[in-house]
Amino acid sequence: MSKSEAAMRILIVEDEPDIMELVKVTLSDGNYELLEAKDGEAGFRLAVDEHPDLILLDIMLPKMDGYEVCRRLKSDPKTATMPVLMLTAFGQKREIEEGFKVKADDYIVKPFEPLKLRERVRKFLETAHPAV
């Protein structure tokens, strides 16, 4: 099965159950396979093992924060091209700058509008995977 026939895989790394559910519901009408991790270590392991097409990554996470998850993924040649979108309540300028410093590909501040998140994810995946 080619990538265009398979569901795009999105890893959601989020420790708050209500936010996790909102993101899942928001993306449920797309052709996406959603993977979940509730802490940074689990998210990092899933990213390495599963190579998702996109990672939605919170910053404030148990066991390993999102900055460190992103830093590790982007510093390893096997995972460096994996797109990471920070999805976090950390919306101050220095926090956003830190997200880009660890090479996040995009930064979305919570609270977010579900329709806008869905559209940004769709557009980002189209750009990152143009053959889809």
C-alpha atoms as a PDB file:
ATOM      1  CA  MET A   1       0.000   0.000   0.000  1.00  0.00           C
ATOM      2  CA  SER A   2       1.438   3.381  -0.945  1.00  0.00           C
ATOM      3  CA  LYS A   3       1.624   6.292   1.469  1.00  0.00           C
ATOM      4  CA  SER A   4      -1.203   8.012  -0.396  1.00  0.00           C
ATOM      5  CA  GLU A   5      -3.495   5.002   0.175  1.00  0.00           C
ATOM      6  CA  ALA A   6      -2.605   4.573   3.848  1.00  0.00           C
ATOM      7  CA  ALA A   7      -3.867   6.760   6.654  1.00  0.00           C
ATOM      8  CA  MET A   8      -1.438   9.443   7.732  1.00  0.00           C
ATOM      9  CA  ARG A   9      -0.197   8.691  11.241  1.00  0.00           C
ATOM     10  CA  ILE A  10      -0.237  11.427  13.859  1.00  0.00           C
ATOM     11  CA  LEU A  11       1.324  10.977  17.283  1.00  0.00           C
ATOM     12  CA  ILE A  12      -0.346  13.062  19.991  1.00  0.00           C
ATOM     13  CA  VAL A  13       1.823  13.516  23.088  1.00  0.00           C
ATOM     14  CA  GLU A  14      -0.432  15.052  25.741  1.00  0.00           C
ATOM     15  CA  ASP A  15      -0.861  14.306  29.451  1.00  0.00           C
ATOM     16  CA  GLU A  16      -4.192  16.072  29.992  1.00  0.00           C
ATOM     17  CA  PRO A  17      -7.049  13.638  29.187  1.00  0.00           C
ATOM     18  CA  ASP A  18      -9.508  16.398  28.194  1.00  0.00           C
ATOM     19  CA  ILE A  19      -7.047  17.961  25.736  1.00  0.00           C
ATOM     20  CA  MET A  20      -6.123  14.530  24.344  1.00  0.00           C
ATOM     21  CA  GLU A  21      -9.805  13.802  23.738  1.00  0.00           C
ATOM     22  CA  LEU A  22     -10.401  17.202  22.137  1.00  0.00           C
ATOM     23  CA  VAL A  23      -7.473  16.720  19.742  1.00  0.00           C
ATOM     24  CA  LYS A  24      -8.647  13.201  18.863  1.00  0.00           C
ATOM     25  CA  VAL A  25     -12.212  14.377  18.199  1.00  0.00           C
ATOM     26  CA  THR A  26     -10.902  17.350  16.204  1.00  0.00           C
ATOM     27  CA  LEU A  27      -8.862  15.069  13.935  1.00  0.00           C
ATOM     28  CA  SER A  28     -11.318  12.159  13.817  1.00  0.00           C
ATOM     29  CA  ASP A  29     -12.913  13.146  10.508  1.00  0.00           C
ATOM     30  CA  GLY A  30      -9.577  13.064   8.655  1.00  0.00           C
ATOM     31  CA  ASN A  31      -7.944   9.969   7.212  1.00  0.00           C
ATOM     32  CA  TYR A  32      -5.563   9.759  10.183  1.00  0.00           C
ATOM     33  CA  GLU A  33      -4.340   6.965  12.384  1.00  0.00           C
ATOM     34  CA  LEU A  34      -3.932   8.564  15.809  1.00  0.00           C
ATOM     35  CA  LEU A  35      -1.241   7.322  18.178  1.00  0.00           C
ATOM     36  CA  GLU A  36      -1.227   8.471  21.807  1.00  0.00           C
ATOM     37  CA  ALA A  37       1.361   9.021  24.506  1.00  0.00           C
ATOM     38  CA  LYS A  38       0.704  10.503  27.940  1.00  0.00           C
ATOM     39  CA  ASP A  39       4.284  11.438  28.856  1.00  0.00           C
ATOM     40  CA  GLY A  40       7.455  12.571  27.151  1.00  0.00           C
ATOM     41  CA  GLU A  41       9.361   9.298  27.452  1.00  0.00           C
ATOM     42  CA  ALA A  42       6.494   7.282  25.953  1.00  0.00           C
ATOM     43  CA  GLY A  43       6.075   9.874  23.202  1.00  0.00           C
ATOM     44  CA  PHE A  44       9.763   9.742  22.353  1.00  0.00           C
ATOM     45  CA  ARG A  45       9.753   5.914  22.224  1.00  0.00           C
ATOM     46  CA  LEU A  46       6.617   5.836  20.052  1.00  0.00           C
ATOM     47  CA  ALA A  47       8.084   8.400  17.670  1.00  0.00           C
ATOM     48  CA  VAL A  48      11.289   6.381  17.286  1.00  0.00           C
ATOM     49  CA  ASP A  49       9.458   3.049  16.927  1.00  0.00           C
ATOM     50  CA  GLU A  50       6.510   4.132  14.765  1.00  0.00           C
ATOM     51  CA  HIS A  51       7.869   7.031  12.645  1.00  0.00           C
ATOM     52  CA  PRO A  52       4.577   8.975  12.494  1.00  0.00           C
ATOM     53  CA  ASP A  53       3.927  11.465   9.707  1.00  0.00           C
ATOM     54  CA  LEU A  54       3.392  14.245  12.259  1.00  0.00           C
ATOM     55  CA  ILE A  55       3.832  14.742  16.008  1.00  0.00           C
ATOM     56  CA  LEU A  56       1.623  17.055  18.079  1.00  0.00           C
ATOM     57  CA  LEU A  57       3.745  17.639  21.176  1.00  0.00           C
ATOM     58  CA  ASP A  58       2.862  19.323  24.453  1.00  0.00           C
ATOM     59  CA  ILE A  59       5.709  20.930  26.417  1.00  0.00           C
ATOM     60  CA  MET A  60       4.696  20.377  30.038  1.00  0.00           C
ATOM     61  CA  LEU A  61       4.810  16.590  30.248  1.00  0.00           C
ATOM     62  CA  PRO A  62       5.713  14.049  32.916  1.00  0.00           C
ATOM     63  CA  LYS A  63       9.035  12.152  32.676  1.00  0.00           C
ATOM     64  CA  MET A  64      10.509  14.278  29.835  1.00  0.00           C
ATOM     65  CA  ASP A  65       9.342  17.711  28.709  1.00  0.00           C
ATOM     66  CA  GLY A  66       8.409  18.431  25.119  1.00  0.00           C
ATOM     67  CA  TYR A  67      11.481  20.570  24.500  1.00  0.00           C
ATOM     68  CA  GLU A  68      13.724  17.597  25.351  1.00  0.00           C
ATOM     69  CA  VAL A  69      11.613  15.185  23.277  1.00  0.00           C
ATOM     70  CA  CYS A  70      11.914  17.499  20.266  1.00  0.00           C
ATOM     71  CA  ARG A  71      15.629  18.124  20.860  1.00  0.00           C
ATOM     72  CA  ARG A  72      16.346  14.377  20.923  1.00  0.00           C
ATOM     73  CA  LEU A  73      14.222  13.609  17.872  1.00  0.00           C
ATOM     74  CA  LYS A  74      15.742  16.417  15.811  1.00  0.00           C
ATOM     75  CA  SER A  75      19.326  15.513  16.787  1.00  0.00           C
ATOM     76  CA  ASP A  76      19.052  11.897  15.592  1.00  0.00           C
ATOM     77  CA  PRO A  77      19.436  11.430  11.816  1.00  0.00           C
ATOM     78  CA  LYS A  78      16.835   8.612  11.907  1.00  0.00           C
ATOM     79  CA  THR A  79      14.124  10.934  13.271  1.00  0.00           C
ATOM     80  CA  ALA A  80      15.384  14.431  12.390  1.00  0.00           C
ATOM     81  CA  THR A  81      12.970  14.930   9.490  1.00  0.00           C
ATOM     82  CA  MET A  82       9.903  13.921  11.510  1.00  0.00           C
ATOM     83  CA  PRO A  83       7.659  17.022  11.647  1.00  0.00           C
ATOM     84  CA  VAL A  84       6.933  18.277  15.172  1.00  0.00           C
ATOM     85  CA  LEU A  85       4.190  20.774  15.992  1.00  0.00           C
ATOM     86  CA  MET A  86       4.294  22.041  19.546  1.00  0.00           C
ATOM     87  CA  LEU A  87       0.730  22.186  20.900  1.00  0.00           C
ATOM     88  CA  THR A  88       1.037  23.887  24.252  1.00  0.00           C
ATOM     89  CA  ALA A  89      -0.272  26.494  26.659  1.00  0.00           C
ATOM     90  CA  PHE A  90       3.235  28.010  26.746  1.00  0.00           C
ATOM     91  CA  GLY A  91       2.580  31.038  24.570  1.00  0.00           C
ATOM     92  CA  GLN A  92       5.119  33.599  25.769  1.00  0.00           C
ATOM     93  CA  LYS A  93       7.677  34.849  23.254  1.00  0.00           C
ATOM     94  CA  ARG A  94      10.639  33.169  24.997  1.00  0.00           C
ATOM     95  CA  GLU A  95       8.763  29.851  25.179  1.00  0.00           C
ATOM     96  CA  ILE A  96       7.904  29.985  21.495  1.00  0.00           C
ATOM     97  CA  GLU A  97      11.518  30.903  20.681  1.00  0.00           C
ATOM     98  CA  GLU A  98      12.693  27.905  22.733  1.00  0.00           C
ATOM     99  CA  GLY A  99      10.338  25.673  20.734  1.00  0.00           C
ATOM    100  CA  PHE A 100      11.909  26.790  17.490  1.00  0.00           C
ATOM    101  CA  LYS A 101      15.395  26.613  19.022  1.00  0.00           C
ATOM    102  CA  VAL A 102      14.885  22.860  19.568  1.00  0.00           C
ATOM    103  CA  LYS A 103      13.802  22.744  15.893  1.00  0.00           C
ATOM    104  CA  ALA A 104      10.034  22.351  16.214  1.00  0.00           C
ATOM    105  CA  ASP A 105       8.436  22.804  12.798  1.00  0.00           C
ATOM    106  CA  ASP A 106       5.454  24.787  14.040  1.00  0.00           C
ATOM    107  CA  TYR A 107       3.968  26.093  17.283  1.00  0.00           C
ATOM    108  CA  ILE A 108       0.275  26.166  18.205  1.00  0.00           C
ATOM    109  CA  VAL A 109      -0.830  27.804  21.452  1.00  0.00           C
ATOM    110  CA  LYS A 110      -3.644  26.388  23.598  1.00  0.00           C
ATOM    111  CA  PRO A 111      -6.456  27.044  23.878  1.00  0.00           C
ATOM    112  CA  PHE A 112      -6.898  26.401  20.177  1.00  0.00           C
ATOM    113  CA  GLU A 113      -9.902  26.518  17.895  1.00  0.00           C
ATOM    114  CA  PRO A 114     -10.574  22.925  16.751  1.00  0.00           C
ATOM    115  CA  LEU A 115     -11.359  23.894  13.155  1.00  0.00           C
ATOM    116  CA  LYS A 116      -8.141  25.901  12.880  1.00  0.00           C
ATOM    117  CA  LEU A 117      -6.100  23.035  14.343  1.00  0.00           C
ATOM    118  CA  ARG A 118      -7.661  20.598  11.880  1.00  0.00           C
ATOM    119  CA  GLU A 119      -6.869  22.921   8.962  1.00  0.00           C
ATOM    120  CA  ARG A 120      -3.263  23.544  10.055  1.00  0.00           C
ATOM    121  CA  VAL A 121      -2.668  19.805  10.483  1.00  0.00           C
ATOM    122  CA  ARG A 122      -4.141  19.105   7.038  1.00  0.00           C
ATOM    123  CA  LYS A 123      -2.101  21.825   5.352  1.00  0.00           C
ATOM    124  CA  PHE A 124       1.065  20.834   7.184  1.00  0.00           C
ATOM    125  CA  LEU A 125       0.706  17.190   6.136  1.00  0.00           C
ATOM    126  CA  GLU A 126       0.051  18.207   2.531  1.00  0.00           C
ATOM    127  CA  THR A 127       3.205  20.308   2.559  1.00  0.00           C
ATOM    128  CA  ALA A 128       5.323  17.704   4.351  1.00  0.00           C
ATOM    129  CA  HIS A 129       4.015  14.850   2.187  1.00  0.00           C
ATOM    130  CA  PRO A 130       3.140  16.374  -1.219  1.00  0.00           C
ATOM    131  CA  ALA A 131       2.489  12.985  -2.875  1.00  0.00           C
ATOM    132  CA  VAL A 132      -0.428  12.370  -0.529  1.00  0.00           C
END
